[in-house]
Amino acid sequence: MTDDSAKSLDGAIGTHVIAITYELMDRATEALSRLDTRPSSTRR
């Protein structure tokens, strides 16, 4: 394995991890905003 192929593989893995992280953050934010609507309405 050359340095170039190792770098491109590392870059591909990094991009994939970032994409998964954003997807999970998006789902977590959506879930939290859904949960937030109930307590905030009872608080007011």
PDB file of N, CA and C in Angstrom:
ATOM      1  N   MET A   1       0.852  -1.201   0.000  1.00  0.00           N
ATOM      2  CA  MET A   1       0.000   0.000   0.000  1.00  0.00           C
ATOM      3  C   MET A   1       0.887   1.249   0.000  1.00  0.00           C
ATOM      4  N   THR A   2       0.659   2.112  -0.956  1.00  0.00           N
ATOM      5  CA  THR A   2       1.451   3.342  -1.019  1.00  0.00           C
ATOM      6  C   THR A   2       0.871   4.392  -0.090  1.00  0.00           C
ATOM      7  N   ASP A   3       1.630   5.456   0.147  1.00  0.00           N
ATOM      8  CA  ASP A   3       1.156   6.545   1.006  1.00  0.00           C
ATOM      9  C   ASP A   3      -0.106   7.183   0.435  1.00  0.00           C
ATOM     10  N   ASP A   4      -0.142   7.322  -0.898  1.00  0.00           N
ATOM     11  CA  ASP A   4      -1.294   7.958  -1.549  1.00  0.00           C
ATOM     12  C   ASP A   4      -2.583   7.169  -1.326  1.00  0.00           C
ATOM     13  N   SER A   5      -2.516   5.853  -1.493  1.00  0.00           N
ATOM     14  CA  SER A   5      -3.726   5.045  -1.315  1.00  0.00           C
ATOM     15  C   SER A   5      -4.142   5.013   0.153  1.00  0.00           C
ATOM     16  N   ALA A   6      -3.166   5.051   1.051  1.00  0.00           N
ATOM     17  CA  ALA A   6      -3.479   5.091   2.477  1.00  0.00           C
ATOM     18  C   ALA A   6      -4.181   6.399   2.818  1.00  0.00           C
ATOM     19  N   LYS A   7      -3.708   7.499   2.220  1.00  0.00           N
ATOM     20  CA  LYS A   7      -4.324   8.807   2.470  1.00  0.00           C
ATOM     21  C   LYS A   7      -5.752   8.853   1.936  1.00  0.00           C
ATOM     22  N   SER A   8      -5.956   8.339   0.726  1.00  0.00           N
ATOM     23  CA  SER A   8      -7.299   8.378   0.139  1.00  0.00           C
ATOM     24  C   SER A   8      -8.263   7.478   0.917  1.00  0.00           C
ATOM     25  N   LEU A   9      -7.772   6.338   1.391  1.00  0.00           N
ATOM     26  CA  LEU A   9      -8.599   5.440   2.195  1.00  0.00           C
ATOM     27  C   LEU A   9      -8.951   6.113   3.515  1.00  0.00           C
ATOM     28  N   ASP A  10      -7.951   6.750   4.134  1.00  0.00           N
ATOM     29  CA  ASP A  10      -8.166   7.468   5.387  1.00  0.00           C
ATOM     30  C   ASP A  10      -9.172   8.591   5.175  1.00  0.00           C
ATOM     31  N   GLY A  11      -9.064   9.289   4.063  1.00  0.00           N
ATOM     32  CA  GLY A  11      -9.992  10.373   3.752  1.00  0.00           C
ATOM     33  C   GLY A  11     -11.405   9.861   3.557  1.00  0.00           C
ATOM     34  N   ALA A  12     -11.528   8.707   2.892  1.00  0.00           N
ATOM     35  CA  ALA A  12     -12.849   8.119   2.660  1.00  0.00           C
ATOM     36  C   ALA A  12     -13.489   7.702   3.976  1.00  0.00           C
ATOM     37  N   ILE A  13     -12.704   7.102   4.853  1.00  0.00           N
ATOM     38  CA  ILE A  13     -13.215   6.687   6.165  1.00  0.00           C
ATOM     39  C   ILE A  13     -13.614   7.917   6.968  1.00  0.00           C
ATOM     40  N   GLY A  14     -12.772   8.946   6.952  1.00  0.00           N
ATOM     41  CA  GLY A  14     -13.067  10.181   7.678  1.00  0.00           C
ATOM     42  C   GLY A  14     -14.354  10.820   7.200  1.00  0.00           C
ATOM     43  N   THR A  15     -14.542  10.871   5.886  1.00  0.00           N
ATOM     44  CA  THR A  15     -15.755  11.463   5.318  1.00  0.00           C
ATOM     45  C   THR A  15     -16.984  10.659   5.731  1.00  0.00           C
ATOM     46  N   HIS A  16     -16.849   9.338   5.726  1.00  0.00           N
ATOM     47  CA  HIS A  16     -17.950   8.446   6.098  1.00  0.00           C
ATOM     48  C   HIS A  16     -18.324   8.646   7.564  1.00  0.00           C
ATOM     49  N   VAL A  17     -17.304   8.744   8.422  1.00  0.00           N
ATOM     50  CA  VAL A  17     -17.536   8.948   9.856  1.00  0.00           C
ATOM     51  C   VAL A  17     -18.237  10.275  10.092  1.00  0.00           C
ATOM     52  N   ILE A  18     -17.797  11.317   9.380  1.00  0.00           N
ATOM     53  CA  ILE A  18     -18.420  12.641   9.515  1.00  0.00           C
ATOM     54  C   ILE A  18     -19.881  12.579   9.075  1.00  0.00           C
ATOM     55  N   ALA A  19     -20.148  11.889   7.965  1.00  0.00           N
ATOM     56  CA  ALA A  19     -21.521  11.771   7.466  1.00  0.00           C
ATOM     57  C   ALA A  19     -22.412  11.059   8.483  1.00  0.00           C
ATOM     58  N   ILE A  20     -21.902   9.985   9.077  1.00  0.00           N
ATOM     59  CA  ILE A  20     -22.659   9.239  10.090  1.00  0.00           C
ATOM     60  C   ILE A  20     -22.890  10.105  11.321  1.00  0.00           C
ATOM     61  N   THR A  21     -21.842  10.840  11.730  1.00  0.00           N
ATOM     62  CA  THR A  21     -21.954  11.711  12.905  1.00  0.00           C
ATOM     63  C   THR A  21     -23.031  12.764  12.696  1.00  0.00           C
ATOM     64  N   TYR A  22     -23.027  13.408  11.510  1.00  0.00           N
ATOM     65  CA  TYR A  22     -24.048  14.418  11.219  1.00  0.00           C
ATOM     66  C   TYR A  22     -25.445  13.809  11.202  1.00  0.00           C
ATOM     67  N   GLU A  23     -25.561  12.606  10.658  1.00  0.00           N
ATOM     68  CA  GLU A  23     -26.851  11.913  10.609  1.00  0.00           C
ATOM     69  C   GLU A  23     -27.366  11.648  12.018  1.00  0.00           C
ATOM     70  N   LEU A  24     -26.470  11.156  12.893  1.00  0.00           N
ATOM     71  CA  LEU A  24     -26.859  10.878  14.279  1.00  0.00           C
ATOM     72  C   LEU A  24     -27.221  12.158  15.017  1.00  0.00           C
ATOM     73  N   MET A  25     -26.439  13.230  14.803  1.00  0.00           N
ATOM     74  CA  MET A  25     -26.724  14.514  15.440  1.00  0.00           C
ATOM     75  C   MET A  25     -28.075  15.045  14.985  1.00  0.00           C
ATOM     76  N   ASP A  26     -28.360  14.876  13.692  1.00  0.00           N
ATOM     77  CA  ASP A  26     -29.631  15.330  13.126  1.00  0.00           C
ATOM     78  C   ASP A  26     -30.800  14.584  13.770  1.00  0.00           C
ATOM     79  N   ARG A  27     -30.652  13.267  13.903  1.00  0.00           N
ATOM     80  CA  ARG A  27     -31.713  12.459  14.530  1.00  0.00           C
ATOM     81  C   ARG A  27     -31.867  12.806  15.999  1.00  0.00           C
ATOM     82  N   ALA A  28     -30.747  13.025  16.690  1.00  0.00           N
ATOM     83  CA  ALA A  28     -30.791  13.372  18.114  1.00  0.00           C
ATOM     84  C   ALA A  28     -31.472  14.722  18.309  1.00  0.00           C
ATOM     85  N   THR A  29     -31.135  15.688  17.458  1.00  0.00           N
ATOM     86  CA  THR A  29     -31.748  17.019  17.541  1.00  0.00           C
ATOM     87  C   THR A  29     -33.248  16.924  17.302  1.00  0.00           C
ATOM     88  N   GLU A  30     -33.632  16.117  16.317  1.00  0.00           N
ATOM     89  CA  GLU A  30     -35.049  15.937  15.996  1.00  0.00           C
ATOM     90  C   GLU A  30     -35.786  15.301  17.175  1.00  0.00           C
ATOM     91  N   ALA A  31     -35.178  14.275  17.769  1.00  0.00           N
ATOM     92  CA  ALA A  31     -35.785  13.588  18.915  1.00  0.00           C
ATOM     93  C   ALA A  31     -35.909  14.533  20.106  1.00  0.00           C
ATOM     94  N   LEU A  32     -34.855  15.322  20.348  1.00  0.00           N
ATOM     95  CA  LEU A  32     -34.877  16.269  21.468  1.00  0.00           C
ATOM     96  C   LEU A  32     -35.925  17.350  21.255  1.00  0.00           C
ATOM     97  N   SER A  33     -36.042  17.842  20.034  1.00  0.00           N
ATOM     98  CA  SER A  33     -37.031  18.893  19.765  1.00  0.00           C
ATOM     99  C   SER A  33     -38.450  18.349  19.934  1.00  0.00           C
ATOM    100  N   ARG A  34     -38.653  17.073  19.607  1.00  0.00           N
ATOM    101  CA  ARG A  34     -39.966  16.446  19.815  1.00  0.00           C
ATOM    102  C   ARG A  34     -40.262  16.328  21.307  1.00  0.00           C
ATOM    103  N   LEU A  35     -39.253  15.929  22.087  1.00  0.00           N
ATOM    104  CA  LEU A  35     -39.426  15.798  23.539  1.00  0.00           C
ATOM    105  C   LEU A  35     -39.631  17.168  24.174  1.00  0.00           C
ATOM    106  N   ASP A  36     -38.913  18.168  23.655  1.00  0.00           N
ATOM    107  CA  ASP A  36     -38.982  19.531  24.189  1.00  0.00           C
ATOM    108  C   ASP A  36     -40.369  20.145  24.067  1.00  0.00           C
ATOM    109  N   THR A  37     -41.123  19.779  23.054  1.00  0.00           N
ATOM    110  CA  THR A  37     -42.431  20.403  22.838  1.00  0.00           C
ATOM    111  C   THR A  37     -43.385  20.088  23.987  1.00  0.00           C
ATOM    112  N   ARG A  38     -43.287  18.906  24.579  1.00  0.00           N
ATOM    113  CA  ARG A  38     -44.194  18.541  25.671  1.00  0.00           C
ATOM    114  C   ARG A  38     -43.885  19.282  26.978  1.00  0.00           C
ATOM    115  N   PRO A  39     -42.651  19.200  27.509  1.00  0.00           N
ATOM    116  CA  PRO A  39     -42.370  19.897  28.775  1.00  0.00           C
ATOM    117  C   PRO A  39     -42.535  21.409  28.678  1.00  0.00           C
ATOM    118  N   SER A  40     -42.153  22.010  27.552  1.00  0.00           N
ATOM    119  CA  SER A  40     -42.240  23.466  27.425  1.00  0.00           C
ATOM    120  C   SER A  40     -43.696  23.932  27.459  1.00  0.00           C
ATOM    121  N   SER A  41     -44.610  23.120  26.928  1.00  0.00           N
ATOM    122  CA  SER A  41     -46.029  23.504  26.942  1.00  0.00           C
ATOM    123  C   SER A  41     -46.609  23.400  28.354  1.00  0.00           C
ATOM    124  N   THR A  42     -46.094  22.473  29.160  1.00  0.00           N
ATOM    125  CA  THR A  42     -46.578  22.335  30.540  1.00  0.00           C
ATOM    126  C   THR A  42     -45.930  23.370  31.455  1.00  0.00           C
ATOM    127  N   ARG A  43     -44.738  23.845  31.074  1.00  0.00           N
ATOM    128  CA  ARG A  43     -44.025  24.840  31.873  1.00  0.00           C
ATOM    129  C   ARG A  43     -44.722  26.190  31.847  1.00  0.00           C
ATOM    130  N   ARG A  44     -45.271  26.560  30.673  1.00  0.00           N
ATOM    131  CA  ARG A  44     -45.861  27.900  30.512  1.00  0.00           C
ATOM    132  C   ARG A  44     -47.169  28.064  31.265  1.00  0.00           C
TER     133      ARG A  44
END
